[in-house]
Amino acid sequence: MKRLLFLLVGFCLAFSALLSFTSDLFGKANARTTKQARTMSTVASNSPAKTNDWQLGQPITYENLTIFPVVSNAKASSEEFITLDEGLRTKTVKVKEIGGTSTRTVRPSRSAHHSNQVQQQRLINTGDNAEVNRVMVTNNSGKTLVLIAGEIIVGGKQDRIVGQDCIVASTNKPVPVDVFCVEHGRWRDTASRRQPGVANEGASFGSANNVMAAPKVRAKAQAEKSQSAVWDEVASQVSKNRVTTSTGNLNSVFADKKVNAKLEDYEKAVAPKLATGNVIGAVAAVNGKIISADVFASPLLFKAYRAKLCRSYALEAVSANGQQKGKANADDAKAFLSRDEGAEKTTEKEGVYRLSEKQSSADASFTLEHTTKDRKLIHYSKVKKN
């Protein structure tokens, strides 16, 4: 009897110890899960083109700029794509002006993105049949070329930015691409030496040293599709940064020594922290207000744009210095990234790409998909209008 009682007491003590160990183990696991939940915030999406595993990482803040990394564990290949910078650097992609010297007056473009014919007529030099708002892009890289709205191309008769996201297949055939001028005061080809009486076959463009337009300029191009609004915003950024430029050139802001030094400080503080893990994009806030978002198909594709995006966000922040600062809210960043409002409009080139656009009074979102085989998300962007 005593032996049985001893065994029963031993069993109770052992069972109690097991319960205590299990409780402690699950308690630690729950604590780790709670900590991870505070670090990563899952973004639920109302768009079928987006993936539901996008998460927001810990915010990165420098001065008045806050970046929320967008992280994904989804596996996506992007080796088949080439960027504009790489294509121009390797000379496998060419960008040329449309038209050349002529004595005739050019009629307004009938492009769907530039339907205001009165405005279009004013944008074209009446003694020259070159176009302001389109260029020809030839891709002979063997890869699929991705063009992102806001990428700067320098040269031609005026510097331009890509007007909307699009994809150009590697066919070695010139393809027209919508652009906006970001250099108001020049209308001549400074790179070529034309002979009298010889028509200019189209001046060439190069890259702009790994920079792209700031989000407010991109918004005027992507959302408003207004050349005059783009020029006004470029002029505003030139003025706010006290840059001297005889032609009202956006690239002169990036090239200014004082501005460039500030941008480098921002980039050094932010860019390295976006280079870790499975970061595929970013949501940017300036002075506590969300201004834009860019998310790509894979970490590899985001890496190709990371430096120029960081500089574009930094320019927006530098241009807004002196304004009332606020603290960026992660919930606002999540809401901005997840919800797209407004009727959907699409631009599609069969078998190449599909661009979906939604606009509300406050913002505009754009979803670029590659459609050669299956619909594959390449770039999602969103800009604040005001």
Protein backbone atom coordinates (compact mmCIF):
# COMPACT_ATOMS: atom_id res chain seq x y z
CA MET A 1 0.00 0.00 0.00
CA LYS A 2 2.79 2.40 0.89
CA ARG A 3 4.58 1.52 -2.35
CA LEU A 4 1.45 2.27 -4.38
CA LEU A 5 1.01 5.60 -2.59
CA PHE A 6 4.66 6.48 -3.28
CA LEU A 7 4.24 5.74 -7.00
CA LEU A 8 1.06 7.83 -7.16
CA VAL A 9 2.76 10.85 -5.55
CA GLY A 10 5.71 10.49 -7.93
CA PHE A 11 3.39 10.40 -10.93
CA CYS A 12 1.59 13.56 -9.78
CA LEU A 13 4.85 15.43 -9.31
CA ALA A 14 6.10 14.37 -12.75
CA PHE A 15 2.81 15.36 -14.42
CA SER A 16 2.88 18.75 -12.68
CA ALA A 17 6.44 19.37 -13.91
CA LEU A 18 5.42 18.43 -17.44
CA LEU A 19 2.50 20.88 -17.37
CA SER A 20 4.80 23.64 -16.11
CA PHE A 21 7.37 22.95 -18.86
CA THR A 22 4.69 22.88 -21.57
CA SER A 23 3.13 26.11 -20.33
CA ASP A 24 6.52 27.81 -20.28
CA LEU A 25 7.35 26.53 -23.76
CA PHE A 26 4.11 27.79 -25.29
CA GLY A 27 4.43 31.07 -23.40
CA LYS A 28 7.81 31.73 -25.00
CA ALA A 29 6.49 30.77 -28.42
CA ASN A 30 3.55 33.13 -28.03
CA ALA A 31 5.89 35.89 -26.94
CA ARG A 32 8.03 35.35 -30.05
CA THR A 33 4.91 35.35 -32.25
CA THR A 34 3.68 38.59 -30.65
CA LYS A 35 7.07 40.21 -31.18
CA GLN A 36 7.10 39.12 -34.83
CA ALA A 37 3.58 40.45 -35.28
CA ARG A 38 4.79 43.85 -34.10
CA THR A 39 7.69 43.66 -36.57
CA MET A 40 5.76 42.50 -39.63
CA SER A 41 2.29 43.67 -40.56
CA THR A 42 0.50 41.68 -43.25
CA VAL A 43 -1.09 43.74 -46.01
CA ALA A 44 -4.49 42.49 -47.11
CA SER A 45 -5.24 43.47 -50.68
CA ASN A 46 -8.43 44.27 -52.57
CA SER A 47 -6.66 43.78 -55.91
CA PRO A 48 -6.37 40.30 -57.46
CA ALA A 49 -3.15 41.33 -59.19
CA LYS A 50 -1.36 41.79 -55.87
CA THR A 51 -0.23 38.93 -53.67
CA ASN A 52 -1.68 38.59 -50.19
CA ASP A 53 1.66 37.85 -48.54
CA TRP A 54 3.00 41.41 -48.74
CA GLN A 55 4.10 42.57 -45.31
CA LEU A 56 5.34 45.85 -43.91
CA GLY A 57 8.65 45.75 -42.07
CA GLN A 58 9.97 48.06 -39.38
CA PRO A 59 10.03 51.70 -40.56
CA ILE A 60 13.33 53.33 -41.52
CA THR A 61 13.52 57.02 -40.64
CA TYR A 62 16.05 59.72 -41.49
CA GLU A 63 15.27 63.39 -40.92
CA ASN A 64 11.77 63.96 -42.35
CA LEU A 65 11.69 60.81 -44.52
CA THR A 66 10.24 57.47 -43.39
CA ILE A 67 10.36 54.31 -45.48
CA PHE A 68 8.27 51.21 -44.74
CA PRO A 69 9.90 48.19 -46.44
CA VAL A 70 7.52 45.83 -48.24
CA VAL A 71 8.55 42.20 -47.72
CA SER A 72 7.37 39.02 -49.43
CA ASN A 73 8.27 35.34 -49.10
CA ALA A 74 6.74 34.48 -52.47
CA LYS A 75 9.13 33.08 -55.05
CA ALA A 76 9.19 35.06 -58.29
CA SER A 77 11.71 34.99 -61.12
CA SER A 78 12.80 38.20 -62.84
CA GLU A 79 16.02 37.23 -64.63
CA GLU A 80 14.28 37.60 -67.99
CA PHE A 81 13.89 41.37 -67.53
CA ILE A 82 16.26 44.24 -68.25
CA THR A 83 16.02 47.80 -66.91
CA LEU A 84 16.38 51.03 -68.86
CA ASP A 85 19.65 51.92 -67.11
CA GLU A 86 21.21 48.54 -67.92
CA GLY A 87 19.97 48.59 -71.49
CA LEU A 88 21.36 52.07 -72.19
CA ARG A 89 24.64 51.25 -70.45
CA THR A 90 25.17 48.09 -72.51
CA LYS A 91 23.82 49.80 -75.66
CA THR A 92 21.31 47.00 -76.20
CA VAL A 93 18.47 49.50 -75.76
CA LYS A 94 18.22 52.71 -77.78
CA VAL A 95 15.97 55.71 -77.17
CA LYS A 96 15.56 58.26 -79.95
CA GLU A 97 13.60 61.42 -80.67
CA ILE A 98 10.70 61.02 -83.10
CA GLY A 99 11.12 63.12 -86.23
CA GLY A 100 13.68 65.69 -87.29
CA THR A 101 14.12 69.01 -89.03
CA SER A 102 11.19 70.10 -91.16
CA THR A 103 9.54 73.27 -92.43
CA ARG A 104 5.99 72.04 -92.04
CA THR A 105 3.71 72.59 -89.05
CA VAL A 106 3.02 69.47 -86.96
CA ARG A 107 -0.54 68.54 -86.13
CA PRO A 108 -1.48 67.58 -82.56
CA SER A 109 -0.93 63.98 -81.45
CA ARG A 110 -4.02 61.78 -81.20
CA SER A 111 -2.54 59.70 -78.39
CA ALA A 112 -5.15 58.61 -75.84
CA HIS A 113 -2.93 59.91 -73.06
CA HIS A 114 -2.65 63.40 -74.59
CA SER A 115 -6.15 64.09 -75.83
CA ASN A 116 -6.05 67.85 -75.18
CA GLN A 117 -5.21 68.91 -78.74
CA VAL A 118 -4.98 72.61 -77.97
CA GLN A 119 -2.35 71.96 -75.28
CA GLN A 120 -0.55 69.43 -77.50
CA GLN A 121 -0.26 71.97 -80.31
CA ARG A 122 1.48 74.41 -77.97
CA LEU A 123 3.95 71.73 -76.88
CA ILE A 124 5.33 71.12 -80.38
CA ASN A 125 7.76 73.48 -82.07
CA THR A 126 6.01 74.52 -85.29
CA GLY A 127 9.27 74.59 -87.24
CA ASP A 128 10.26 71.05 -86.32
CA ASN A 129 8.43 67.75 -86.67
CA ALA A 130 10.03 66.19 -83.61
CA GLU A 131 7.54 65.22 -80.89
CA VAL A 132 7.67 66.28 -77.27
CA ASN A 133 5.50 63.60 -75.71
CA ARG A 134 6.69 60.43 -77.44
CA VAL A 135 10.05 58.80 -78.16
CA MET A 136 11.02 55.62 -79.97
CA VAL A 137 12.51 52.77 -77.92
CA THR A 138 14.32 49.84 -79.54
CA ASN A 139 15.11 46.78 -77.45
CA ASN A 140 17.73 44.40 -78.85
CA SER A 141 18.89 42.98 -75.51
CA GLY A 142 17.41 39.50 -75.77
CA LYS A 143 15.51 40.30 -72.56
CA THR A 144 12.19 42.02 -71.83
CA LEU A 145 12.62 45.73 -71.14
CA VAL A 146 10.76 47.23 -68.17
CA LEU A 147 10.11 50.98 -68.18
CA ILE A 148 8.94 52.70 -65.00
CA ALA A 149 7.08 56.03 -64.90
CA GLY A 150 9.41 58.81 -63.78
CA GLU A 151 12.67 57.37 -65.13
CA ILE A 152 14.72 60.22 -66.59
CA ILE A 153 16.30 60.09 -70.03
CA VAL A 154 18.72 62.89 -70.89
CA GLY A 155 19.58 64.29 -74.30
CA GLY A 156 17.50 64.76 -77.40
CA LYS A 157 16.10 68.25 -77.67
CA GLN A 158 14.75 68.16 -74.13
CA ASP A 159 15.23 65.78 -71.20
CA ARG A 160 12.17 63.59 -70.65
CA ILE A 161 10.69 61.18 -68.13
CA VAL A 162 8.86 57.95 -68.94
CA GLY A 163 5.16 58.80 -68.79
CA GLN A 164 3.73 55.47 -67.67
CA ASP A 165 4.87 51.96 -66.80
CA CYS A 166 5.20 49.71 -69.85
CA ILE A 167 7.13 46.77 -71.26
CA VAL A 168 9.02 46.57 -74.56
CA ALA A 169 9.73 43.14 -76.03
CA SER A 170 13.13 42.35 -77.51
CA THR A 171 12.25 42.58 -81.20
CA ASN A 172 14.83 45.13 -82.42
CA LYS A 173 11.89 47.17 -83.74
CA PRO A 174 11.28 50.80 -82.63
CA VAL A 175 8.27 51.13 -80.30
CA PRO A 176 6.65 54.50 -79.43
CA VAL A 177 6.63 55.27 -75.70
CA ASP A 178 4.80 58.14 -73.96
CA VAL A 179 7.07 60.63 -72.20
CA PHE A 180 6.91 64.06 -70.55
CA CYS A 181 9.41 66.86 -70.87
CA VAL A 182 11.30 67.88 -67.71
CA GLU A 183 13.41 70.59 -69.33
CA HIS A 184 11.18 73.49 -70.33
CA GLY A 185 13.68 75.90 -71.87
CA ARG A 186 15.60 73.87 -74.48
CA TRP A 187 14.48 72.67 -77.89
CA ARG A 188 17.63 71.71 -79.73
CA ASP A 189 19.88 68.70 -80.00
CA THR A 190 23.11 69.66 -78.25
CA ALA A 191 24.69 66.22 -78.73
CA SER A 192 24.64 65.94 -82.52
CA ARG A 193 26.35 68.05 -85.18
CA ARG A 194 23.88 68.36 -88.00
CA GLN A 195 24.97 69.50 -91.42
CA PRO A 196 22.93 72.16 -93.24
CA GLY A 197 20.24 70.60 -95.39
CA VAL A 198 20.60 67.16 -93.79
CA ALA A 199 17.57 65.92 -91.86
CA ASN A 200 18.08 64.84 -88.26
CA GLU A 201 17.05 61.19 -87.99
CA GLY A 202 16.25 61.51 -84.33
CA ALA A 203 18.53 62.57 -81.50
CA SER A 204 19.57 59.91 -78.98
CA PHE A 205 19.05 59.77 -75.22
CA GLY A 206 21.12 58.37 -72.39
CA SER A 207 20.41 57.57 -68.74
CA ALA A 208 20.38 60.21 -66.02
CA ASN A 209 22.98 58.72 -63.65
CA ASN A 210 20.61 56.43 -61.76
CA VAL A 211 17.98 59.02 -60.81
CA MET A 212 14.27 59.36 -61.40
CA ALA A 213 11.67 62.04 -60.84
CA ALA A 214 10.36 62.63 -57.33
CA PRO A 215 6.86 61.31 -56.52
CA LYS A 216 5.10 64.67 -57.03
CA VAL A 217 6.49 64.99 -60.55
CA ARG A 218 5.53 61.37 -61.25
CA ALA A 219 2.00 62.10 -60.02
CA LYS A 220 1.62 64.98 -62.48
CA ALA A 221 2.70 62.69 -65.32
CA GLN A 222 1.01 59.41 -64.33
CA ALA A 223 -2.20 60.68 -62.75
CA GLU A 224 -2.87 64.10 -64.33
CA LYS A 225 -1.15 63.32 -67.64
CA SER A 226 -0.49 67.03 -68.00
CA GLN A 227 2.70 68.42 -69.51
CA SER A 228 2.08 71.88 -68.08
CA ALA A 229 1.55 70.38 -64.59
CA VAL A 230 4.83 68.45 -64.93
CA TRP A 231 6.67 71.65 -65.87
CA ASP A 232 5.10 73.51 -62.93
CA GLU A 233 6.17 70.83 -60.45
CA VAL A 234 9.71 70.72 -61.89
CA ALA A 235 9.88 74.51 -61.54
CA SER A 236 8.67 74.20 -57.94
CA GLN A 237 11.42 71.72 -57.04
CA VAL A 238 14.05 73.85 -58.78
CA SER A 239 12.88 76.88 -56.77
CA LYS A 240 12.59 75.10 -53.40
CA ASN A 241 16.13 73.77 -53.73
CA ARG A 242 17.51 77.13 -54.98
CA VAL A 243 19.06 75.59 -58.05
CA THR A 244 20.22 77.69 -60.98
CA THR A 245 19.24 76.27 -64.38
CA SER A 246 18.88 78.20 -67.62
CA THR A 247 16.56 75.58 -69.15
CA GLY A 248 14.39 74.62 -66.16
CA ASN A 249 15.96 71.17 -66.14
CA LEU A 250 14.94 68.62 -63.48
CA ASN A 251 18.27 66.80 -63.79
CA SER A 252 20.05 70.00 -62.73
CA VAL A 253 18.48 69.59 -59.28
CA PHE A 254 20.08 66.16 -58.85
CA ALA A 255 23.37 67.49 -60.26
CA ASP A 256 23.55 70.47 -57.89
CA LYS A 257 26.40 69.88 -55.40
CA LYS A 258 24.54 71.06 -52.30
CA VAL A 259 21.38 69.14 -53.14
CA ASN A 260 23.35 66.06 -54.12
CA ALA A 261 25.20 66.07 -50.80
CA LYS A 262 21.88 66.07 -48.93
CA LEU A 263 20.49 63.30 -51.11
CA GLU A 264 23.56 61.16 -50.45
CA ASP A 265 23.03 61.53 -46.69
CA TYR A 266 19.46 60.29 -47.03
CA GLU A 267 20.48 57.45 -49.32
CA LYS A 268 23.28 56.26 -47.00
CA ALA A 269 20.86 56.18 -44.07
CA VAL A 270 18.03 54.41 -45.88
CA ALA A 271 19.24 52.30 -48.82
CA PRO A 272 21.41 49.75 -46.91
CA LYS A 273 18.47 48.85 -44.67
CA LEU A 274 16.38 48.09 -47.76
CA ALA A 275 19.03 45.70 -49.08
CA THR A 276 18.35 42.90 -46.59
CA GLY A 277 15.93 39.99 -46.57
CA ASN A 278 13.07 39.64 -49.02
CA VAL A 279 12.38 43.33 -49.54
CA ILE A 280 10.48 43.87 -52.78
CA GLY A 281 9.39 47.49 -52.38
CA ALA A 282 8.75 50.49 -50.18
CA VAL A 283 6.07 52.87 -48.95
CA ALA A 284 7.44 56.39 -48.50
CA ALA A 285 6.30 59.15 -46.14
CA VAL A 286 7.54 62.75 -45.88
CA ASN A 287 6.82 64.89 -42.82
CA GLY A 288 4.52 62.16 -41.54
CA LYS A 289 2.37 61.96 -44.69
CA ILE A 290 2.37 58.97 -47.03
CA ILE A 291 3.37 60.11 -50.54
CA SER A 292 3.97 57.01 -52.66
CA ALA A 293 4.54 53.26 -52.90
CA ASP A 294 6.56 51.07 -55.25
CA VAL A 295 6.47 47.26 -55.14
CA PHE A 296 8.16 44.89 -57.60
CA ALA A 297 7.93 41.26 -58.67
CA SER A 298 11.02 40.15 -56.75
CA PRO A 299 13.88 41.33 -54.51
CA LEU A 300 16.16 41.19 -57.56
CA LEU A 301 13.99 43.57 -59.58
CA PHE A 302 13.55 45.94 -56.63
CA LYS A 303 17.32 45.96 -56.17
CA ALA A 304 17.71 47.31 -59.71
CA TYR A 305 15.55 50.33 -58.83
CA ARG A 306 16.37 50.72 -55.15
CA ALA A 307 19.02 53.46 -55.41
CA LYS A 308 17.10 55.67 -57.84
CA LEU A 309 13.87 55.28 -55.87
CA CYS A 310 15.64 56.21 -52.62
CA ARG A 311 17.02 59.36 -54.27
CA SER A 312 13.60 60.28 -55.64
CA TYR A 313 12.02 59.92 -52.18
CA ALA A 314 14.93 61.87 -50.70
CA LEU A 315 14.46 64.74 -53.16
CA GLU A 316 10.82 64.97 -52.12
CA ALA A 317 11.91 65.11 -48.49
CA VAL A 318 14.65 67.69 -49.11
CA SER A 319 12.20 69.84 -51.10
CA ALA A 320 9.72 69.69 -48.20
CA ASN A 321 12.19 70.62 -45.46
CA GLY A 322 10.98 73.50 -43.34
CA GLN A 323 7.40 72.26 -43.36
CA GLN A 324 5.72 71.00 -40.21
CA LYS A 325 7.01 67.54 -39.39
CA GLY A 326 4.86 64.66 -38.22
CA LYS A 327 5.29 60.98 -37.39
CA ALA A 328 4.50 58.44 -40.12
CA ASN A 329 1.86 55.92 -39.10
CA ALA A 330 2.24 52.22 -40.01
CA ASP A 331 -1.53 51.79 -40.21
CA ASP A 332 -1.72 54.63 -42.75
CA ALA A 333 1.07 53.00 -44.77
CA LYS A 334 -0.77 49.67 -44.74
CA ALA A 335 -4.05 51.28 -45.80
CA PHE A 336 -2.34 53.25 -48.58
CA LEU A 337 -0.71 50.11 -49.96
CA SER A 338 -3.70 47.80 -49.70
CA ARG A 339 -6.69 49.74 -51.05
CA ASP A 340 -7.14 50.99 -54.61
CA GLU A 341 -10.19 53.15 -55.26
CA GLY A 342 -11.85 54.33 -58.45
CA ALA A 343 -12.96 52.81 -61.74
CA GLU A 344 -10.35 50.67 -63.47
CA LYS A 345 -8.89 51.71 -66.82
CA THR A 346 -6.52 49.49 -68.74
CA THR A 347 -3.87 49.91 -71.41
CA GLU A 348 -2.83 46.68 -73.06
CA LYS A 349 -0.41 45.51 -75.71
CA GLU A 350 -1.47 41.99 -76.52
CA GLY A 351 1.05 39.36 -75.53
CA VAL A 352 3.37 41.91 -73.92
CA TYR A 353 1.88 43.84 -71.00
CA ARG A 354 -1.24 45.09 -69.28
CA LEU A 355 -1.35 48.32 -67.25
CA SER A 356 -4.31 48.82 -64.91
CA GLU A 357 -5.02 52.26 -63.47
CA LYS A 358 -7.37 53.35 -60.69
CA GLN A 359 -7.87 56.94 -59.57
CA SER A 360 -9.68 58.58 -56.69
CA SER A 361 -9.69 62.24 -55.69
CA ALA A 362 -6.78 61.59 -53.31
CA ASP A 363 -4.46 59.16 -55.12
CA ALA A 364 -3.81 57.00 -58.17
CA SER A 365 -2.55 53.42 -58.41
CA PHE A 366 -0.99 51.55 -61.33
CA THR A 367 -0.44 47.82 -61.79
CA LEU A 368 1.93 46.62 -64.54
CA GLU A 369 1.66 42.96 -65.55
CA HIS A 370 3.65 40.89 -68.03
CA THR A 371 1.23 38.93 -70.22
CA THR A 372 3.43 36.85 -72.54
CA LYS A 373 2.29 33.58 -70.91
CA ASP A 374 0.39 34.19 -67.69
CA ARG A 375 -0.40 37.51 -66.03
CA LYS A 376 2.59 38.25 -63.86
CA LEU A 377 2.81 41.30 -61.62
CA ILE A 378 5.94 43.32 -62.45
CA HIS A 379 5.44 46.65 -60.69
CA TYR A 380 2.75 48.16 -58.51
CA SER A 381 2.93 51.90 -57.85
CA LYS A 382 0.76 54.41 -56.10
CA VAL A 383 1.10 58.19 -55.83
CA LYS A 384 -0.60 60.79 -53.70
CA LYS A 385 -2.17 63.49 -55.83
CA ASN A 386 -2.08 66.39 -53.37
